[in-house]
C-alpha cells in the first residue's frame, strides 16, 4: 500500500507531497509492526525532503519526535509527526483514533535501536 504524505520543512513557506510504500495491508488490517513501518517511512520522507541524497534504507529510530493522531474533517484520522527538521502528515486512515494511537505508542516503545546514525 502506498501512502501520500504532506511535508513541511522548517523555514519553507510551502508543503510538498511524497509517496511512501511501507506496508502491504490496508489500515484496517495493520499490526503494530505495520505502524512502525509507516512511522519509519514518514521519517525517511521528511529526511529526503531536506537531504535528497539520503539513502532509502537509512536506519530509523522511533524517538526524538512529537506525534499526534487527529480526526480528519471528512472522516478517518491523520497521523502527524513533528521534528526540529519539520513536520510530516499521513492519512486520512479509516481507523479509530484510539486504535491508531495505541499502535503508535506500542511501535515506539518496541523500537530499541541505538540512536547513532539514524533518522530521529
N, C-alpha and C. Protein backbone atom coordinates (compact mmCIF):
# COMPACT_ATOMS: atom_id res chain seq x y z
N UNK A 1 0.84 -1.18 0.00
CA UNK A 1 0.00 0.00 0.00
C UNK A 1 0.89 1.24 0.00
N UNK A 2 0.59 2.17 -0.88
CA UNK A 2 1.33 3.42 -0.87
C UNK A 2 0.50 4.48 -0.17
N UNK A 3 1.20 5.39 0.49
CA UNK A 3 0.58 6.43 1.29
C UNK A 3 1.18 7.77 0.89
N UNK A 4 0.32 8.73 0.57
CA UNK A 4 0.80 10.10 0.32
C UNK A 4 0.99 10.80 1.65
N UNK A 5 2.10 11.53 1.76
CA UNK A 5 2.39 12.31 2.97
C UNK A 5 2.64 13.75 2.57
N UNK A 6 2.22 14.66 3.42
CA UNK A 6 2.48 16.08 3.24
C UNK A 6 3.64 16.46 4.13
N UNK A 7 4.60 17.19 3.58
CA UNK A 7 5.83 17.52 4.29
C UNK A 7 6.01 19.03 4.33
N UNK A 8 6.28 19.54 5.53
CA UNK A 8 6.61 20.95 5.72
C UNK A 8 7.98 21.02 6.37
N UNK A 9 8.94 21.59 5.68
CA UNK A 9 10.27 21.79 6.25
C UNK A 9 10.31 23.14 6.95
N UNK A 10 10.95 23.19 8.10
CA UNK A 10 11.10 24.47 8.80
C UNK A 10 11.81 25.46 7.89
N UNK A 11 11.30 26.67 7.85
CA UNK A 11 11.90 27.71 7.04
C UNK A 11 11.32 27.81 5.64
N UNK A 12 10.53 26.80 5.22
CA UNK A 12 9.88 26.85 3.91
C UNK A 12 8.45 27.35 4.09
N UNK A 13 7.93 28.03 3.09
CA UNK A 13 6.57 28.54 3.15
C UNK A 13 5.57 27.68 2.41
N UNK A 14 5.98 26.50 1.98
CA UNK A 14 5.07 25.63 1.24
C UNK A 14 5.28 24.18 1.65
N UNK A 15 4.28 23.39 1.38
CA UNK A 15 4.34 21.95 1.65
C UNK A 15 4.63 21.20 0.36
N UNK A 16 5.19 20.02 0.49
CA UNK A 16 5.39 19.14 -0.65
C UNK A 16 4.72 17.81 -0.33
N UNK A 17 4.43 17.06 -1.36
CA UNK A 17 3.83 15.74 -1.20
C UNK A 17 4.83 14.69 -1.63
N UNK A 18 4.90 13.62 -0.86
CA UNK A 18 5.74 12.48 -1.20
C UNK A 18 4.90 11.22 -1.03
N UNK A 19 5.33 10.15 -1.64
CA UNK A 19 4.62 8.88 -1.52
C UNK A 19 5.55 7.87 -0.86
N UNK A 20 5.02 7.21 0.16
CA UNK A 20 5.77 6.14 0.81
C UNK A 20 5.02 4.83 0.58
N UNK A 21 5.74 3.73 0.55
CA UNK A 21 5.13 2.42 0.32
C UNK A 21 5.58 1.45 1.42
N UNK A 22 5.13 1.70 2.63
CA UNK A 22 5.68 0.93 3.74
C UNK A 22 5.02 -0.40 4.06
N UNK A 23 3.76 -0.62 3.72
CA UNK A 23 3.08 -1.82 4.21
C UNK A 23 2.21 -2.45 3.11
N UNK A 24 2.07 -3.77 3.16
CA UNK A 24 1.27 -4.45 2.14
C UNK A 24 -0.23 -4.47 2.45
N UNK A 25 -0.63 -4.09 3.66
CA UNK A 25 -2.03 -4.18 4.07
C UNK A 25 -2.71 -2.81 4.10
N UNK A 26 -4.02 -2.84 4.01
CA UNK A 26 -4.83 -1.65 4.22
C UNK A 26 -4.86 -1.33 5.71
N UNK A 27 -5.12 -0.08 6.09
CA UNK A 27 -5.09 0.30 7.51
C UNK A 27 -5.94 -0.56 8.45
N UNK A 28 -7.09 -1.02 8.01
CA UNK A 28 -7.95 -1.83 8.88
C UNK A 28 -7.26 -3.11 9.34
N UNK A 29 -6.27 -3.58 8.60
CA UNK A 29 -5.56 -4.80 8.96
C UNK A 29 -4.18 -4.58 9.54
N UNK A 30 -3.83 -3.32 9.83
CA UNK A 30 -2.49 -3.02 10.33
C UNK A 30 -2.19 -3.67 11.66
N UNK A 31 -0.93 -4.03 11.81
CA UNK A 31 -0.37 -4.50 13.09
C UNK A 31 0.53 -3.39 13.63
N UNK A 32 1.03 -3.58 14.84
CA UNK A 32 1.98 -2.61 15.39
C UNK A 32 3.22 -2.52 14.51
N UNK A 33 3.65 -3.63 13.94
CA UNK A 33 4.80 -3.63 13.03
C UNK A 33 4.54 -2.82 11.77
N UNK A 34 3.32 -2.92 11.26
CA UNK A 34 2.96 -2.11 10.09
C UNK A 34 3.03 -0.63 10.42
N UNK A 35 2.54 -0.27 11.59
CA UNK A 35 2.56 1.14 12.00
C UNK A 35 4.01 1.60 12.17
N UNK A 36 4.88 0.74 12.68
CA UNK A 36 6.30 1.09 12.78
C UNK A 36 6.87 1.36 11.39
N UNK A 37 6.46 0.59 10.38
CA UNK A 37 6.93 0.82 9.02
C UNK A 37 6.39 2.14 8.48
N UNK A 38 5.16 2.47 8.79
CA UNK A 38 4.60 3.75 8.37
C UNK A 38 5.38 4.90 9.00
N UNK A 39 5.63 4.81 10.31
CA UNK A 39 6.40 5.85 11.01
C UNK A 39 7.78 6.01 10.38
N UNK A 40 8.46 4.89 10.13
CA UNK A 40 9.80 4.94 9.52
C UNK A 40 9.72 5.57 8.13
N UNK A 41 8.70 5.21 7.35
CA UNK A 41 8.55 5.79 6.02
C UNK A 41 8.32 7.28 6.08
N UNK A 42 7.52 7.72 7.05
CA UNK A 42 7.26 9.15 7.21
C UNK A 42 8.55 9.89 7.58
N UNK A 43 9.33 9.33 8.50
CA UNK A 43 10.58 9.97 8.91
C UNK A 43 11.57 10.02 7.76
N UNK A 44 11.66 8.94 7.00
CA UNK A 44 12.57 8.94 5.84
C UNK A 44 12.13 9.97 4.79
N UNK A 45 10.84 10.08 4.56
CA UNK A 45 10.35 11.05 3.58
C UNK A 45 10.71 12.48 4.00
N UNK A 46 10.57 12.77 5.28
CA UNK A 46 10.93 14.09 5.78
C UNK A 46 12.43 14.34 5.61
N UNK A 47 13.22 13.36 5.94
CA UNK A 47 14.68 13.49 5.79
C UNK A 47 15.06 13.69 4.31
N UNK A 48 14.44 12.91 3.41
CA UNK A 48 14.75 13.05 1.98
C UNK A 48 14.30 14.40 1.42
N UNK A 49 13.25 14.98 1.98
CA UNK A 49 12.80 16.30 1.52
C UNK A 49 13.89 17.35 1.79
N UNK A 50 14.59 17.21 2.89
CA UNK A 50 15.66 18.15 3.25
C UNK A 50 16.99 17.75 2.62
N UNK A 51 17.25 16.44 2.58
CA UNK A 51 18.51 15.90 2.08
C UNK A 51 18.21 14.83 1.04
N UNK A 52 18.00 15.22 -0.22
CA UNK A 52 17.56 14.26 -1.26
C UNK A 52 18.50 13.08 -1.49
N UNK A 53 19.77 13.20 -1.12
CA UNK A 53 20.71 12.10 -1.35
C UNK A 53 20.70 11.06 -0.23
N UNK A 54 19.84 11.23 0.76
CA UNK A 54 19.76 10.28 1.86
C UNK A 54 19.35 8.91 1.33
N UNK A 55 20.06 7.84 1.70
CA UNK A 55 19.69 6.50 1.23
C UNK A 55 18.28 6.11 1.69
N UNK A 56 17.55 5.40 0.83
CA UNK A 56 16.19 4.97 1.15
C UNK A 56 16.14 3.99 2.32
N UNK A 57 17.25 3.31 2.58
CA UNK A 57 17.25 2.29 3.64
C UNK A 57 17.98 2.74 4.91
N UNK A 58 18.18 4.05 5.06
CA UNK A 58 18.86 4.54 6.26
C UNK A 58 18.10 4.08 7.50
N UNK A 59 18.81 3.57 8.51
CA UNK A 59 18.13 3.13 9.73
C UNK A 59 17.37 4.29 10.39
N UNK A 60 16.24 3.96 10.98
CA UNK A 60 15.37 4.95 11.61
C UNK A 60 15.15 4.56 13.07
N UNK A 61 15.30 5.52 13.97
CA UNK A 61 14.97 5.32 15.39
C UNK A 61 13.63 6.00 15.65
N UNK A 62 12.72 5.27 16.26
CA UNK A 62 11.40 5.82 16.53
C UNK A 62 11.39 6.56 17.86
N UNK A 63 12.15 7.65 17.90
CA UNK A 63 12.20 8.52 19.07
C UNK A 63 12.71 9.88 18.62
N UNK A 64 12.52 10.88 19.49
CA UNK A 64 13.02 12.21 19.17
C UNK A 64 12.03 13.05 18.38
N UNK A 65 10.76 12.65 18.36
CA UNK A 65 9.76 13.43 17.64
C UNK A 65 8.46 13.45 18.43
N UNK A 66 7.66 14.46 18.14
CA UNK A 66 6.31 14.53 18.70
C UNK A 66 5.35 13.96 17.67
N UNK A 67 4.27 13.37 18.14
CA UNK A 67 3.29 12.81 17.22
C UNK A 67 1.89 13.01 17.77
N UNK A 68 0.92 12.95 16.85
CA UNK A 68 -0.47 13.04 17.24
C UNK A 68 -1.31 12.33 16.19
N UNK A 69 -2.36 11.69 16.66
CA UNK A 69 -3.39 11.13 15.78
C UNK A 69 -4.61 12.02 15.97
N UNK A 70 -5.11 12.59 14.88
CA UNK A 70 -6.24 13.53 14.95
C UNK A 70 -7.35 13.13 14.00
N UNK A 71 -8.59 13.39 14.39
CA UNK A 71 -9.70 13.16 13.46
C UNK A 71 -9.54 14.05 12.23
N UNK A 72 -9.94 13.51 11.09
CA UNK A 72 -9.90 14.25 9.83
C UNK A 72 -11.30 14.75 9.53
N UNK A 73 -11.40 15.95 9.00
CA UNK A 73 -12.70 16.60 8.80
C UNK A 73 -13.71 15.78 8.01
N UNK A 74 -13.28 15.00 7.03
CA UNK A 74 -14.24 14.23 6.22
C UNK A 74 -14.28 12.76 6.61
N UNK A 75 -13.67 12.41 7.74
CA UNK A 75 -13.69 11.03 8.23
C UNK A 75 -12.30 10.44 8.35
N UNK A 76 -12.18 9.48 9.24
CA UNK A 76 -10.90 8.84 9.48
C UNK A 76 -10.01 9.69 10.38
N UNK A 77 -8.75 9.34 10.41
CA UNK A 77 -7.78 10.05 11.23
C UNK A 77 -6.51 10.30 10.42
N UNK A 78 -5.76 11.31 10.82
CA UNK A 78 -4.44 11.56 10.25
C UNK A 78 -3.39 11.36 11.33
N UNK A 79 -2.19 11.01 10.91
CA UNK A 79 -1.05 10.82 11.79
C UNK A 79 -0.03 11.89 11.44
N UNK A 80 0.34 12.71 12.42
CA UNK A 80 1.29 13.80 12.18
C UNK A 80 2.50 13.63 13.08
N UNK A 81 3.69 13.85 12.51
CA UNK A 81 4.95 13.82 13.26
C UNK A 81 5.60 15.18 13.13
N UNK A 82 6.22 15.64 14.22
CA UNK A 82 6.94 16.91 14.18
C UNK A 82 8.32 16.72 14.77
N UNK A 83 9.31 17.23 14.05
CA UNK A 83 10.70 17.19 14.47
C UNK A 83 11.28 18.59 14.30
N UNK A 84 12.48 18.79 14.74
CA UNK A 84 13.15 20.06 14.53
C UNK A 84 13.25 20.36 13.04
N UNK A 85 13.44 19.34 12.23
CA UNK A 85 13.56 19.47 10.79
C UNK A 85 12.29 19.98 10.13
N UNK A 86 11.12 19.59 10.67
CA UNK A 86 9.85 19.97 10.08
C UNK A 86 8.75 19.02 10.54
N UNK A 87 7.71 18.90 9.71
CA UNK A 87 6.58 18.04 10.06
C UNK A 87 6.16 17.24 8.84
N UNK A 88 5.54 16.09 9.11
CA UNK A 88 5.03 15.23 8.06
C UNK A 88 3.70 14.66 8.53
N UNK A 89 2.71 14.64 7.62
CA UNK A 89 1.36 14.19 7.95
C UNK A 89 0.94 13.14 6.93
N UNK A 90 0.35 12.05 7.43
CA UNK A 90 -0.16 10.97 6.58
C UNK A 90 -1.63 10.72 6.90
N UNK A 91 -2.36 10.30 5.89
CA UNK A 91 -3.76 9.96 6.11
C UNK A 91 -4.64 10.77 5.19
N UNK A 92 -5.91 10.64 5.34
CA UNK A 92 -6.62 10.00 6.45
C UNK A 92 -6.67 8.48 6.30
N UNK A 93 -6.73 7.84 7.46
CA UNK A 93 -6.83 6.40 7.55
C UNK A 93 -8.17 6.05 8.19
N UNK A 94 -8.77 4.99 7.72
CA UNK A 94 -10.06 4.56 8.25
C UNK A 94 -9.82 3.65 9.45
N UNK A 95 -9.42 4.27 10.54
CA UNK A 95 -9.16 3.58 11.81
C UNK A 95 -9.67 4.45 12.94
N UNK A 96 -10.10 3.84 14.04
CA UNK A 96 -10.45 4.65 15.20
C UNK A 96 -9.20 5.33 15.77
N UNK A 97 -9.37 6.55 16.23
CA UNK A 97 -8.25 7.33 16.78
C UNK A 97 -7.53 6.56 17.89
N UNK A 98 -8.28 6.00 18.79
CA UNK A 98 -7.69 5.28 19.93
C UNK A 98 -6.87 4.08 19.47
N UNK A 99 -7.35 3.37 18.46
CA UNK A 99 -6.64 2.19 17.96
C UNK A 99 -5.30 2.58 17.34
N UNK A 100 -5.29 3.59 16.46
CA UNK A 100 -4.04 4.00 15.83
C UNK A 100 -3.09 4.59 16.87
N UNK A 101 -3.60 5.37 17.82
CA UNK A 101 -2.74 5.92 18.88
C UNK A 101 -2.07 4.80 19.67
N UNK A 102 -2.83 3.77 20.01
CA UNK A 102 -2.26 2.64 20.75
C UNK A 102 -1.17 1.93 19.96
N UNK A 103 -1.40 1.75 18.66
CA UNK A 103 -0.39 1.09 17.83
C UNK A 103 0.88 1.94 17.72
N UNK A 104 0.71 3.26 17.59
CA UNK A 104 1.88 4.14 17.54
C UNK A 104 2.66 4.05 18.85
N UNK A 105 1.97 4.12 19.97
CA UNK A 105 2.64 4.02 21.28
C UNK A 105 3.42 2.72 21.40
N UNK A 106 2.81 1.61 21.01
CA UNK A 106 3.48 0.31 21.13
C UNK A 106 4.66 0.20 20.15
N UNK A 107 4.51 0.73 18.94
CA UNK A 107 5.60 0.67 17.96
C UNK A 107 6.80 1.46 18.45
N UNK A 108 6.56 2.63 19.01
CA UNK A 108 7.66 3.45 19.53
C UNK A 108 8.31 2.76 20.72
N UNK A 109 7.51 2.21 21.62
CA UNK A 109 8.06 1.53 22.81
C UNK A 109 8.87 0.30 22.43
N UNK A 110 8.50 -0.37 21.35
CA UNK A 110 9.19 -1.59 20.94
C UNK A 110 10.51 -1.33 20.23
N UNK A 111 10.71 -0.11 19.72
CA UNK A 111 11.93 0.19 18.97
C UNK A 111 13.09 0.39 19.94
N UNK A 112 14.05 -0.49 19.86
CA UNK A 112 15.21 -0.44 20.75
C UNK A 112 16.51 -0.19 20.02
N UNK A 113 16.45 0.38 18.81
CA UNK A 113 17.68 0.64 18.04
C UNK A 113 18.56 1.67 18.72
N UNK A 114 19.87 1.50 18.61
CA UNK A 114 20.74 2.56 19.12
C UNK A 114 20.59 3.80 18.26
N UNK A 115 20.66 4.99 18.85
CA UNK A 115 20.40 6.22 18.11
C UNK A 115 21.48 6.64 17.12
N UNK A 116 22.68 6.10 17.19
CA UNK A 116 23.75 6.54 16.30
C UNK A 116 23.40 6.27 14.84
N UNK A 117 23.62 7.24 13.98
CA UNK A 117 23.46 7.13 12.54
C UNK A 117 22.04 6.79 12.11
N UNK A 118 21.06 7.26 12.83
CA UNK A 118 19.67 7.01 12.46
C UNK A 118 18.94 8.33 12.28
N UNK A 119 17.86 8.28 11.50
CA UNK A 119 16.98 9.42 11.37
C UNK A 119 16.14 9.46 12.64
N UNK A 120 16.07 10.57 13.35
CA UNK A 120 15.25 10.70 14.55
C UNK A 120 14.69 12.06 14.67
